[in-house]
Amino acid sequence: MANIKLFDEGFPVKSSVPVFGKFIRLWKSVLSKYVESIGLNSAQPPILGHLVMEPDLTQKELAERLNVTQASITMTVNRMEKAGLIIKTTDEKDSRKVRMKMTEKAFRLFIKVDWVLEEFDKMFFNGFTEEEKNLFLDLIRKGGLNLEGEMKRLGR
C-alpha cells in the first residue's frame, strides 16, 4: 500500500477533499504552463475574458464577476496595465471610478487563449469518451452549483 498514489485505482477514497485538493493543484499547475506559453499568467485570462464581454468594468465590478476581493486582483491588474494589456480611464460620470479596457495587444493575446484552452482540453480529456467528458462536466457543474449556494449561505 505504500506505493499506491491518490489517483491510482483501488486507493480507498472516502472524501472529495484529498482527491479534489490534489486534482485542483495539478490542474492549475498544468494549465498555468499552457497559459505561460503565450506570455500570460493564469490569473490574466479570466480578467481578459470579462473585459471582452463587458468593456469598461471597474475593478470592483471585475472582482465581483470573478468572486474575489478587490485587493486580490489589484496586483494582477496593475501588472497588466504595465504590460500594456489594460488601459485605465476615469469614469466620465463619477471621477471616483476607474474603468478598464483591453488594449489591442490584449485582444491579440486573448485570441491565443482560446487556442491554448482548446489544446489543454484535448490533453485533459485524452482517453475520455464523449459521454464520459459530458458526464464529468455535468457533475462538476452540479458540484459547482452546490458550492455557489453554500458560499451565498455563508455570506460571501
C-alpha atoms as a PDB file:
ATOM      1  CA  MET A   1       0.000   0.000   0.000  1.00  0.00           C
ATOM      2  CA  ALA A   2       2.982   2.350   0.467  1.00  0.00           C
ATOM      3  CA  ASN A   3       3.457   2.834  -3.292  1.00  0.00           C
ATOM      4  CA  ILE A   4      -0.209   3.448  -4.133  1.00  0.00           C
ATOM      5  CA  LYS A   5      -0.872   7.069  -5.079  1.00  0.00           C
ATOM      6  CA  LEU A   6      -4.028   9.094  -4.612  1.00  0.00           C
ATOM      7  CA  PHE A   7      -5.145   8.780  -8.248  1.00  0.00           C
ATOM      8  CA  ASP A   8      -4.387   5.044  -8.533  1.00  0.00           C
ATOM      9  CA  GLU A   9      -7.383   2.765  -8.961  1.00  0.00           C
ATOM     10  CA  GLY A  10      -8.041   0.993  -5.720  1.00  0.00           C
ATOM     11  CA  PHE A  11      -6.948   3.887  -3.493  1.00  0.00           C
ATOM     12  CA  PRO A  12      -9.531   3.956  -0.701  1.00  0.00           C
ATOM     13  CA  VAL A  13     -11.060   7.414  -1.114  1.00  0.00           C
ATOM     14  CA  LYS A  14     -13.879   8.281   1.264  1.00  0.00           C
ATOM     15  CA  SER A  15     -13.916  12.051   0.787  1.00  0.00           C
ATOM     16  CA  SER A  16     -13.778  14.503  -2.090  1.00  0.00           C
ATOM     17  CA  VAL A  17     -11.317  16.710  -0.203  1.00  0.00           C
ATOM     18  CA  PRO A  18      -7.996  14.900  -0.827  1.00  0.00           C
ATOM     19  CA  VAL A  19      -8.910  13.948  -4.400  1.00  0.00           C
ATOM     20  CA  PHE A  20     -10.080  17.422  -5.406  1.00  0.00           C
ATOM     21  CA  GLY A  21      -7.281  19.102  -3.476  1.00  0.00           C
ATOM     22  CA  LYS A  22      -4.650  17.242  -5.460  1.00  0.00           C
ATOM     23  CA  PHE A  23      -6.673  17.454  -8.686  1.00  0.00           C
ATOM     24  CA  ILE A  24      -7.072  21.234  -8.429  1.00  0.00           C
ATOM     25  CA  ARG A  25      -3.367  21.769  -7.685  1.00  0.00           C
ATOM     26  CA  LEU A  26      -2.336  19.622 -10.677  1.00  0.00           C
ATOM     27  CA  TRP A  27      -4.963  21.140 -12.956  1.00  0.00           C
ATOM     28  CA  LYS A  28      -3.891  24.698 -12.082  1.00  0.00           C
ATOM     29  CA  SER A  29      -0.182  23.883 -12.434  1.00  0.00           C
ATOM     30  CA  VAL A  30      -0.529  22.305 -15.866  1.00  0.00           C
ATOM     31  CA  LEU A  31      -2.963  24.971 -17.104  1.00  0.00           C
ATOM     32  CA  SER A  32      -0.552  27.669 -15.898  1.00  0.00           C
ATOM     33  CA  LYS A  33       2.207  26.168 -18.056  1.00  0.00           C
ATOM     34  CA  TYR A  34      -0.075  26.232 -21.090  1.00  0.00           C
ATOM     35  CA  VAL A  35      -1.098  29.866 -20.464  1.00  0.00           C
ATOM     36  CA  GLU A  36       2.506  30.934 -19.759  1.00  0.00           C
ATOM     37  CA  SER A  37       3.438  29.621 -23.212  1.00  0.00           C
ATOM     38  CA  ILE A  38       1.662  32.666 -24.711  1.00  0.00           C
ATOM     39  CA  GLY A  39       3.047  35.172 -22.221  1.00  0.00           C
ATOM     40  CA  LEU A  40       0.230  35.375 -19.679  1.00  0.00           C
ATOM     41  CA  ASN A  41      -0.102  34.136 -16.134  1.00  0.00           C
ATOM     42  CA  SER A  42      -3.073  32.049 -15.020  1.00  0.00           C
ATOM     43  CA  ALA A  43      -4.900  34.988 -13.380  1.00  0.00           C
ATOM     44  CA  GLN A  44      -4.969  37.070 -16.557  1.00  0.00           C
ATOM     45  CA  PRO A  45      -7.211  35.103 -19.000  1.00  0.00           C
ATOM     46  CA  PRO A  46     -10.331  35.320 -16.773  1.00  0.00           C
ATOM     47  CA  ILE A  47      -9.802  39.077 -16.428  1.00  0.00           C
ATOM     48  CA  LEU A  48      -9.423  39.462 -20.194  1.00  0.00           C
ATOM     49  CA  GLY A  49     -12.481  37.281 -20.748  1.00  0.00           C
ATOM     50  CA  HIS A  50     -14.638  39.533 -18.605  1.00  0.00           C
ATOM     51  CA  LEU A  51     -13.268  42.664 -20.269  1.00  0.00           C
ATOM     52  CA  VAL A  52     -14.042  41.198 -23.702  1.00  0.00           C
ATOM     53  CA  MET A  53     -17.646  40.566 -22.660  1.00  0.00           C
ATOM     54  CA  GLU A  54     -18.016  43.791 -20.667  1.00  0.00           C
ATOM     55  CA  PRO A  55     -15.588  46.549 -21.652  1.00  0.00           C
ATOM     56  CA  ASP A  56     -15.170  49.414 -19.184  1.00  0.00           C
ATOM     57  CA  LEU A  57     -15.606  47.433 -15.975  1.00  0.00           C
ATOM     58  CA  THR A  58     -14.378  48.963 -12.741  1.00  0.00           C
ATOM     59  CA  GLN A  59     -12.012  46.944 -10.595  1.00  0.00           C
ATOM     60  CA  LYS A  60     -14.835  46.448  -8.075  1.00  0.00           C
ATOM     61  CA  GLU A  61     -17.164  45.108 -10.784  1.00  0.00           C
ATOM     62  CA  LEU A  62     -14.428  42.836 -12.092  1.00  0.00           C
ATOM     63  CA  ALA A  63     -13.745  41.467  -8.603  1.00  0.00           C
ATOM     64  CA  GLU A  64     -17.465  40.744  -8.186  1.00  0.00           C
ATOM     65  CA  ARG A  65     -17.589  38.894 -11.534  1.00  0.00           C
ATOM     66  CA  LEU A  66     -14.548  36.810 -10.541  1.00  0.00           C
ATOM     67  CA  ASN A  67     -15.858  36.237  -6.994  1.00  0.00           C
ATOM     68  CA  VAL A  68     -12.663  37.599  -5.419  1.00  0.00           C
ATOM     69  CA  THR A  69     -11.805  40.636  -3.335  1.00  0.00           C
ATOM     70  CA  GLN A  70     -10.643  43.850  -4.999  1.00  0.00           C
ATOM     71  CA  ALA A  71      -7.356  43.560  -3.124  1.00  0.00           C
ATOM     72  CA  SER A  72      -6.690  40.127  -4.583  1.00  0.00           C
ATOM     73  CA  ILE A  73      -6.773  41.371  -8.191  1.00  0.00           C
ATOM     74  CA  THR A  74      -5.114  44.750  -7.687  1.00  0.00           C
ATOM     75  CA  MET A  75      -1.587  43.466  -8.282  1.00  0.00           C
ATOM     76  CA  THR A  76      -2.600  41.493 -11.368  1.00  0.00           C
ATOM     77  CA  VAL A  77      -4.490  44.439 -12.874  1.00  0.00           C
ATOM     78  CA  ASN A  78      -1.547  46.773 -12.182  1.00  0.00           C
ATOM     79  CA  ARG A  79       0.863  44.323 -13.838  1.00  0.00           C
ATOM     80  CA  MET A  80      -1.460  44.031 -16.814  1.00  0.00           C
ATOM     81  CA  GLU A  81      -1.525  47.814 -17.131  1.00  0.00           C
ATOM     82  CA  LYS A  82       2.292  47.983 -17.015  1.00  0.00           C
ATOM     83  CA  ALA A  83       2.479  45.210 -19.617  1.00  0.00           C
ATOM     84  CA  GLY A  84       0.255  47.226 -21.957  1.00  0.00           C
ATOM     85  CA  LEU A  85      -2.723  44.859 -21.724  1.00  0.00           C
ATOM     86  CA  ILE A  86      -5.149  47.187 -19.937  1.00  0.00           C
ATOM     87  CA  ILE A  87      -5.814  50.906 -20.088  1.00  0.00           C
ATOM     88  CA  LYS A  88      -7.412  52.560 -17.075  1.00  0.00           C
ATOM     89  CA  THR A  89      -9.569  55.635 -17.534  1.00  0.00           C
ATOM     90  CA  THR A  90     -11.560  57.785 -15.130  1.00  0.00           C
ATOM     91  CA  ASP A  91     -15.321  57.390 -15.403  1.00  0.00           C
ATOM     92  CA  GLU A  92     -16.836  60.458 -17.071  1.00  0.00           C
ATOM     93  CA  LYS A  93     -19.879  60.471 -14.752  1.00  0.00           C
ATOM     94  CA  ASP A  94     -18.114  59.584 -11.492  1.00  0.00           C
ATOM     95  CA  SER A  95     -14.469  60.616 -11.178  1.00  0.00           C
ATOM     96  CA  ARG A  96     -14.031  58.231  -8.205  1.00  0.00           C
ATOM     97  CA  LYS A  97     -14.437  55.246 -10.517  1.00  0.00           C
ATOM     98  CA  VAL A  98     -11.650  53.947 -12.722  1.00  0.00           C
ATOM     99  CA  ARG A  99     -12.706  51.854 -15.704  1.00  0.00           C
ATOM    100  CA  MET A 100     -10.562  49.318 -17.541  1.00  0.00           C
ATOM    101  CA  LYS A 101     -10.329  48.467 -21.232  1.00  0.00           C
ATOM    102  CA  MET A 102      -8.284  45.903 -23.088  1.00  0.00           C
ATOM    103  CA  THR A 103      -5.612  47.100 -25.472  1.00  0.00           C
ATOM    104  CA  GLU A 104      -5.086  45.761 -28.987  1.00  0.00           C
ATOM    105  CA  LYS A 105      -2.155  43.737 -27.599  1.00  0.00           C
ATOM    106  CA  ALA A 106      -4.514  42.114 -25.079  1.00  0.00           C
ATOM    107  CA  PHE A 107      -7.045  41.278 -27.807  1.00  0.00           C
ATOM    108  CA  ARG A 108      -4.319  39.536 -29.818  1.00  0.00           C
ATOM    109  CA  LEU A 109      -3.300  37.507 -26.761  1.00  0.00           C
ATOM    110  CA  PHE A 110      -6.897  36.703 -25.910  1.00  0.00           C
ATOM    111  CA  ILE A 111      -7.341  35.097 -29.328  1.00  0.00           C
ATOM    112  CA  LYS A 112      -4.394  32.836 -28.464  1.00  0.00           C
ATOM    113  CA  VAL A 113      -6.026  31.968 -25.113  1.00  0.00           C
ATOM    114  CA  ASP A 114      -8.848  30.176 -26.991  1.00  0.00           C
ATOM    115  CA  TRP A 115      -6.315  28.031 -28.804  1.00  0.00           C
ATOM    116  CA  VAL A 116      -4.392  27.280 -25.588  1.00  0.00           C
ATOM    117  CA  LEU A 117      -7.563  26.266 -23.746  1.00  0.00           C
ATOM    118  CA  GLU A 118      -8.565  24.041 -26.641  1.00  0.00           C
ATOM    119  CA  GLU A 119      -5.144  22.329 -26.540  1.00  0.00           C
ATOM    120  CA  PHE A 120      -5.401  21.951 -22.755  1.00  0.00           C
ATOM    121  CA  ASP A 121      -8.835  20.321 -23.095  1.00  0.00           C
ATOM    122  CA  LYS A 122      -7.504  17.917 -25.743  1.00  0.00           C
ATOM    123  CA  MET A 123      -4.751  16.854 -23.344  1.00  0.00           C
ATOM    124  CA  PHE A 124      -7.036  16.695 -20.298  1.00  0.00           C
ATOM    125  CA  PHE A 125      -9.816  14.681 -21.949  1.00  0.00           C
ATOM    126  CA  ASN A 126      -7.435  12.299 -23.718  1.00  0.00           C
ATOM    127  CA  GLY A 127      -8.833   8.794 -23.286  1.00  0.00           C
ATOM    128  CA  PHE A 128     -12.334  10.006 -22.311  1.00  0.00           C
ATOM    129  CA  THR A 129     -15.296   9.034 -24.440  1.00  0.00           C
ATOM    130  CA  GLU A 130     -17.601  11.901 -25.426  1.00  0.00           C
ATOM    131  CA  GLU A 131     -20.129  10.521 -22.926  1.00  0.00           C
ATOM    132  CA  GLU A 132     -17.530  10.473 -20.113  1.00  0.00           C
ATOM    133  CA  LYS A 133     -16.430  14.018 -20.957  1.00  0.00           C
ATOM    134  CA  ASN A 134     -20.025  15.281 -20.848  1.00  0.00           C
ATOM    135  CA  LEU A 135     -20.756  13.392 -17.619  1.00  0.00           C
ATOM    136  CA  PHE A 136     -17.608  14.793 -15.994  1.00  0.00           C
ATOM    137  CA  LEU A 137     -18.535  18.363 -16.970  1.00  0.00           C
ATOM    138  CA  ASP A 138     -22.142  17.887 -15.829  1.00  0.00           C
ATOM    139  CA  LEU A 139     -21.009  16.567 -12.435  1.00  0.00           C
ATOM    140  CA  ILE A 140     -18.519  19.419 -11.991  1.00  0.00           C
ATOM    141  CA  ARG A 141     -21.271  21.948 -12.830  1.00  0.00           C
ATOM    142  CA  LYS A 142     -23.630  20.283 -10.369  1.00  0.00           C
ATOM    143  CA  GLY A 143     -20.990  20.341  -7.619  1.00  0.00           C
ATOM    144  CA  GLY A 144     -20.161  23.939  -8.550  1.00  0.00           C
ATOM    145  CA  LEU A 145     -23.795  24.956  -8.078  1.00  0.00           C
ATOM    146  CA  ASN A 146     -23.746  23.349  -4.640  1.00  0.00           C
ATOM    147  CA  LEU A 147     -20.579  25.265  -3.770  1.00  0.00           C
ATOM    148  CA  GLU A 148     -22.022  28.560  -5.050  1.00  0.00           C
ATOM    149  CA  GLY A 149     -25.134  28.013  -2.943  1.00  0.00           C
ATOM    150  CA  GLU A 150     -23.007  27.318   0.107  1.00  0.00           C
ATOM    151  CA  MET A 151     -20.958  30.470  -0.494  1.00  0.00           C
ATOM    152  CA  LYS A 152     -24.179  32.513  -0.550  1.00  0.00           C
ATOM    153  CA  ARG A 153     -25.371  30.783   2.613  1.00  0.00           C
ATOM    154  CA  LEU A 154     -22.061  31.556   4.306  1.00  0.00           C
ATOM    155  CA  GLY A 155     -22.381  35.200   3.303  1.00  0.00           C
ATOM    156  CA  ARG A 156     -19.867  35.641   0.517  1.00  0.00           C
END
